Amino acid sequence: QRGGVVSVDSILSLAQTLILTCGWIQNAYGSESKGFCLYGAIDHASFLESMPNDTSAAIYYSDELARQAMGRLRTVIGDPANEPGRSVISWNDRVGRTKEEIVAALDAAMSISSKLTTPLSVE
């Protein structure tokens, strides 16, 4: 069971770990056996972070943090699309994109402080 503080940074960090350990893919959501696209890694990390405290409030909160993580990524990649997640998917799937660029974008997103995030402690 995971524990600790669930925050935008913890979701971004776990997403980066998923990409580094499971692999990175394009044009598909992904899985732990096949690797993840950037959107899939953020979404799956949000799901994993909500599991120890599996309540409606915790799941809603982790979904909100995932939306904030996507917002940070859109800031980093310079694509402020109005569709949450859509610009992250398009950026991930662009021909010529590399795993190194994905990891660097996650690093940059983690370096942006979030005034909106209140960590949720899960025990």
C-alpha atoms as a PDB file:
ATOM      1  CA  GLN A   1       0.000   0.000   0.000  1.00  0.00           C
ATOM      2  CA  ARG A   2       1.315   3.417  -0.969  1.00  0.00           C
ATOM      3  CA  GLY A   3       1.175   6.120   1.660  1.00  0.00           C
ATOM      4  CA  GLY A   4       2.281   9.647   2.295  1.00  0.00           C
ATOM      5  CA  VAL A   5       1.232  12.892   0.712  1.00  0.00           C
ATOM      6  CA  VAL A   6      -0.655  12.958  -2.567  1.00  0.00           C
ATOM      7  CA  SER A   7       0.141  16.127  -4.504  1.00  0.00           C
ATOM      8  CA  VAL A   8       0.620  17.321  -8.056  1.00  0.00           C
ATOM      9  CA  ASP A   9       4.332  16.663  -7.638  1.00  0.00           C
ATOM     10  CA  SER A  10       3.768  13.113  -6.361  1.00  0.00           C
ATOM     11  CA  ILE A  11       1.584  12.362  -9.395  1.00  0.00           C
ATOM     12  CA  LEU A  12       4.138  13.885 -11.794  1.00  0.00           C
ATOM     13  CA  SER A  13       6.956  11.997 -10.079  1.00  0.00           C
ATOM     14  CA  LEU A  14       5.093   8.684 -10.208  1.00  0.00           C
ATOM     15  CA  ALA A  15       4.201   9.298 -13.868  1.00  0.00           C
ATOM     16  CA  GLN A  16       7.877   9.848 -14.614  1.00  0.00           C
ATOM     17  CA  THR A  17       8.773   6.649 -12.745  1.00  0.00           C
ATOM     18  CA  LEU A  18       6.158   4.739 -14.767  1.00  0.00           C
ATOM     19  CA  ILE A  19       7.652   6.004 -18.031  1.00  0.00           C
ATOM     20  CA  LEU A  20      11.209   5.253 -16.925  1.00  0.00           C
ATOM     21  CA  THR A  21      10.430   1.759 -15.631  1.00  0.00           C
ATOM     22  CA  CYS A  22       7.588   0.579 -17.894  1.00  0.00           C
ATOM     23  CA  GLY A  23       8.569   2.456 -21.031  1.00  0.00           C
ATOM     24  CA  TRP A  24       7.164   5.254 -23.160  1.00  0.00           C
ATOM     25  CA  ILE A  25       4.823   4.855 -26.119  1.00  0.00           C
ATOM     26  CA  GLN A  26       2.966   6.966 -28.630  1.00  0.00           C
ATOM     27  CA  ASN A  27      -0.533   6.779 -30.098  1.00  0.00           C
ATOM     28  CA  ALA A  28      -1.952   4.687 -27.243  1.00  0.00           C
ATOM     29  CA  TYR A  29      -2.765   5.115 -23.536  1.00  0.00           C
ATOM     30  CA  GLY A  30      -0.548   2.225 -22.465  1.00  0.00           C
ATOM     31  CA  SER A  31      -0.159  -0.201 -19.595  1.00  0.00           C
ATOM     32  CA  GLU A  32       2.473  -1.326 -17.140  1.00  0.00           C
ATOM     33  CA  SER A  33       3.436  -4.141 -19.525  1.00  0.00           C
ATOM     34  CA  LYS A  34       3.584  -1.998 -22.704  1.00  0.00           C
ATOM     35  CA  GLY A  35       4.646   1.413 -21.374  1.00  0.00           C
ATOM     36  CA  PHE A  36       2.637   4.629 -21.175  1.00  0.00           C
ATOM     37  CA  CYS A  37       2.091   7.766 -23.161  1.00  0.00           C
ATOM     38  CA  LEU A  38       2.454  10.974 -21.159  1.00  0.00           C
ATOM     39  CA  TYR A  39      -1.301  11.321 -20.619  1.00  0.00           C
ATOM     40  CA  GLY A  40      -1.635   7.643 -19.701  1.00  0.00           C
ATOM     41  CA  ALA A  41       1.210   7.878 -17.192  1.00  0.00           C
ATOM     42  CA  ILE A  42      -0.387  10.893 -15.456  1.00  0.00           C
ATOM     43  CA  ASP A  43      -3.811   9.239 -15.403  1.00  0.00           C
ATOM     44  CA  HIS A  44      -2.465   5.903 -14.145  1.00  0.00           C
ATOM     45  CA  ALA A  45      -0.324   7.646 -11.502  1.00  0.00           C
ATOM     46  CA  SER A  46      -3.432   9.486 -10.286  1.00  0.00           C
ATOM     47  CA  PHE A  47      -5.281   6.164 -10.028  1.00  0.00           C
ATOM     48  CA  LEU A  48      -2.415   4.517  -8.103  1.00  0.00           C
ATOM     49  CA  GLU A  49      -2.138   7.487  -5.730  1.00  0.00           C
ATOM     50  CA  SER A  50      -5.867   7.316  -4.882  1.00  0.00           C
ATOM     51  CA  MET A  51      -5.845   3.569  -4.119  1.00  0.00           C
ATOM     52  CA  PRO A  52      -4.720   3.589  -0.451  1.00  0.00           C
ATOM     53  CA  ASN A  53      -7.524   5.945   0.474  1.00  0.00           C
ATOM     54  CA  ASP A  54     -10.157   4.555  -1.874  1.00  0.00           C
ATOM     55  CA  THR A  55     -13.024   6.888  -1.107  1.00  0.00           C
ATOM     56  CA  SER A  56     -15.032   9.098  -3.429  1.00  0.00           C
ATOM     57  CA  ALA A  57     -13.348  12.181  -1.955  1.00  0.00           C
ATOM     58  CA  ALA A  58      -9.836  10.757  -2.423  1.00  0.00           C
ATOM     59  CA  ILE A  59     -10.570   9.702  -5.998  1.00  0.00           C
ATOM     60  CA  TYR A  60     -12.063  13.116  -6.802  1.00  0.00           C
ATOM     61  CA  TYR A  61      -9.055  14.807  -5.204  1.00  0.00           C
ATOM     62  CA  SER A  62      -6.527  12.730  -7.145  1.00  0.00           C
ATOM     63  CA  ASP A  63      -8.467  13.430 -10.374  1.00  0.00           C
ATOM     64  CA  GLU A  64      -8.258  17.151  -9.603  1.00  0.00           C
ATOM     65  CA  LEU A  65      -4.525  16.843  -8.987  1.00  0.00           C
ATOM     66  CA  ALA A  66      -4.171  15.004 -12.308  1.00  0.00           C
ATOM     67  CA  ARG A  67      -5.926  17.943 -14.018  1.00  0.00           C
ATOM     68  CA  GLN A  68      -3.497  20.332 -12.322  1.00  0.00           C
ATOM     69  CA  ALA A  69      -0.574  18.135 -13.423  1.00  0.00           C
ATOM     70  CA  MET A  70      -1.852  18.330 -17.015  1.00  0.00           C
ATOM     71  CA  GLY A  71      -2.081  22.112 -16.627  1.00  0.00           C
ATOM     72  CA  ARG A  72       1.549  22.288 -15.532  1.00  0.00           C
ATOM     73  CA  LEU A  73       2.554  20.155 -18.506  1.00  0.00           C
ATOM     74  CA  ARG A  74       0.616  22.422 -20.879  1.00  0.00           C
ATOM     75  CA  THR A  75       2.536  25.366 -19.409  1.00  0.00           C
ATOM     76  CA  VAL A  76       5.827  23.555 -20.027  1.00  0.00           C
ATOM     77  CA  ILE A  77       5.044  22.461 -23.577  1.00  0.00           C
ATOM     78  CA  GLY A  78       3.577  25.834 -24.497  1.00  0.00           C
ATOM     79  CA  ASP A  79       0.173  24.602 -25.629  1.00  0.00           C
ATOM     80  CA  PRO A  80      -2.656  26.158 -23.596  1.00  0.00           C
ATOM     81  CA  ALA A  81      -5.448  24.200 -25.295  1.00  0.00           C
ATOM     82  CA  ASN A  82      -8.938  24.448 -23.850  1.00  0.00           C
ATOM     83  CA  GLU A  83      -9.361  20.667 -23.928  1.00  0.00           C
ATOM     84  CA  PRO A  84      -7.772  19.185 -20.790  1.00  0.00           C
ATOM     85  CA  GLY A  85      -5.307  16.517 -21.812  1.00  0.00           C
ATOM     86  CA  ARG A  86      -5.729  16.970 -25.569  1.00  0.00           C
ATOM     87  CA  SER A  87      -2.613  19.118 -26.075  1.00  0.00           C
ATOM     88  CA  VAL A  88      -0.567  16.753 -23.881  1.00  0.00           C
ATOM     89  CA  ILE A  89      -1.690  13.830 -26.051  1.00  0.00           C
ATOM     90  CA  SER A  90      -0.886  15.673 -29.286  1.00  0.00           C
ATOM     91  CA  TRP A  91       2.521  16.745 -27.974  1.00  0.00           C
ATOM     92  CA  ASN A  92       3.340  13.192 -26.841  1.00  0.00           C
ATOM     93  CA  ASP A  93       2.304  11.713 -30.189  1.00  0.00           C
ATOM     94  CA  ARG A  94       4.127  14.212 -32.410  1.00  0.00           C
ATOM     95  CA  VAL A  95       6.424  12.468 -34.895  1.00  0.00           C
ATOM     96  CA  GLY A  96      10.029  12.724 -33.723  1.00  0.00           C
ATOM     97  CA  ARG A  97       9.165  13.158 -30.037  1.00  0.00           C
ATOM     98  CA  THR A  98      11.590  11.317 -27.740  1.00  0.00           C
ATOM     99  CA  LYS A  99      11.366   9.674 -24.342  1.00  0.00           C
ATOM    100  CA  GLU A 100      14.052  12.107 -23.161  1.00  0.00           C
ATOM    101  CA  GLU A 101      11.789  15.052 -24.053  1.00  0.00           C
ATOM    102  CA  ILE A 102       8.930  13.458 -22.109  1.00  0.00           C
ATOM    103  CA  VAL A 103      11.108  12.957 -19.022  1.00  0.00           C
ATOM    104  CA  ALA A 104      12.446  16.523 -19.315  1.00  0.00           C
ATOM    105  CA  ALA A 105       8.895  17.914 -19.576  1.00  0.00           C
ATOM    106  CA  LEU A 106       7.936  16.067 -16.391  1.00  0.00           C
ATOM    107  CA  ASP A 107      11.043  17.442 -14.644  1.00  0.00           C
ATOM    108  CA  ALA A 108      10.123  20.970 -15.754  1.00  0.00           C
ATOM    109  CA  ALA A 109       6.500  20.509 -14.644  1.00  0.00           C
ATOM    110  CA  MET A 110       7.693  19.380 -11.197  1.00  0.00           C
ATOM    111  CA  SER A 111       9.795  22.537 -10.915  1.00  0.00           C
ATOM    112  CA  ILE A 112       6.699  24.765 -11.209  1.00  0.00           C
ATOM    113  CA  SER A 113       5.299  25.539  -7.784  1.00  0.00           C
ATOM    114  CA  SER A 114       1.578  25.144  -7.415  1.00  0.00           C
ATOM    115  CA  LYS A 115      -0.245  27.655  -5.266  1.00  0.00           C
ATOM    116  CA  LEU A 116      -3.497  25.757  -5.783  1.00  0.00           C
ATOM    117  CA  THR A 117      -2.377  22.413  -4.449  1.00  0.00           C
ATOM    118  CA  THR A 118      -3.158  21.338  -0.927  1.00  0.00           C
ATOM    119  CA  PRO A 119      -1.551  17.942  -0.304  1.00  0.00           C
ATOM    120  CA  LEU A 120      -3.785  15.096   0.839  1.00  0.00           C
ATOM    121  CA  SER A 121      -2.277  12.827   3.455  1.00  0.00           C
ATOM    122  CA  VAL A 122      -3.079   9.177   2.927  1.00  0.00           C
ATOM    123  CA  GLU A 123      -2.134   6.623   5.554  1.00  0.00           C
END
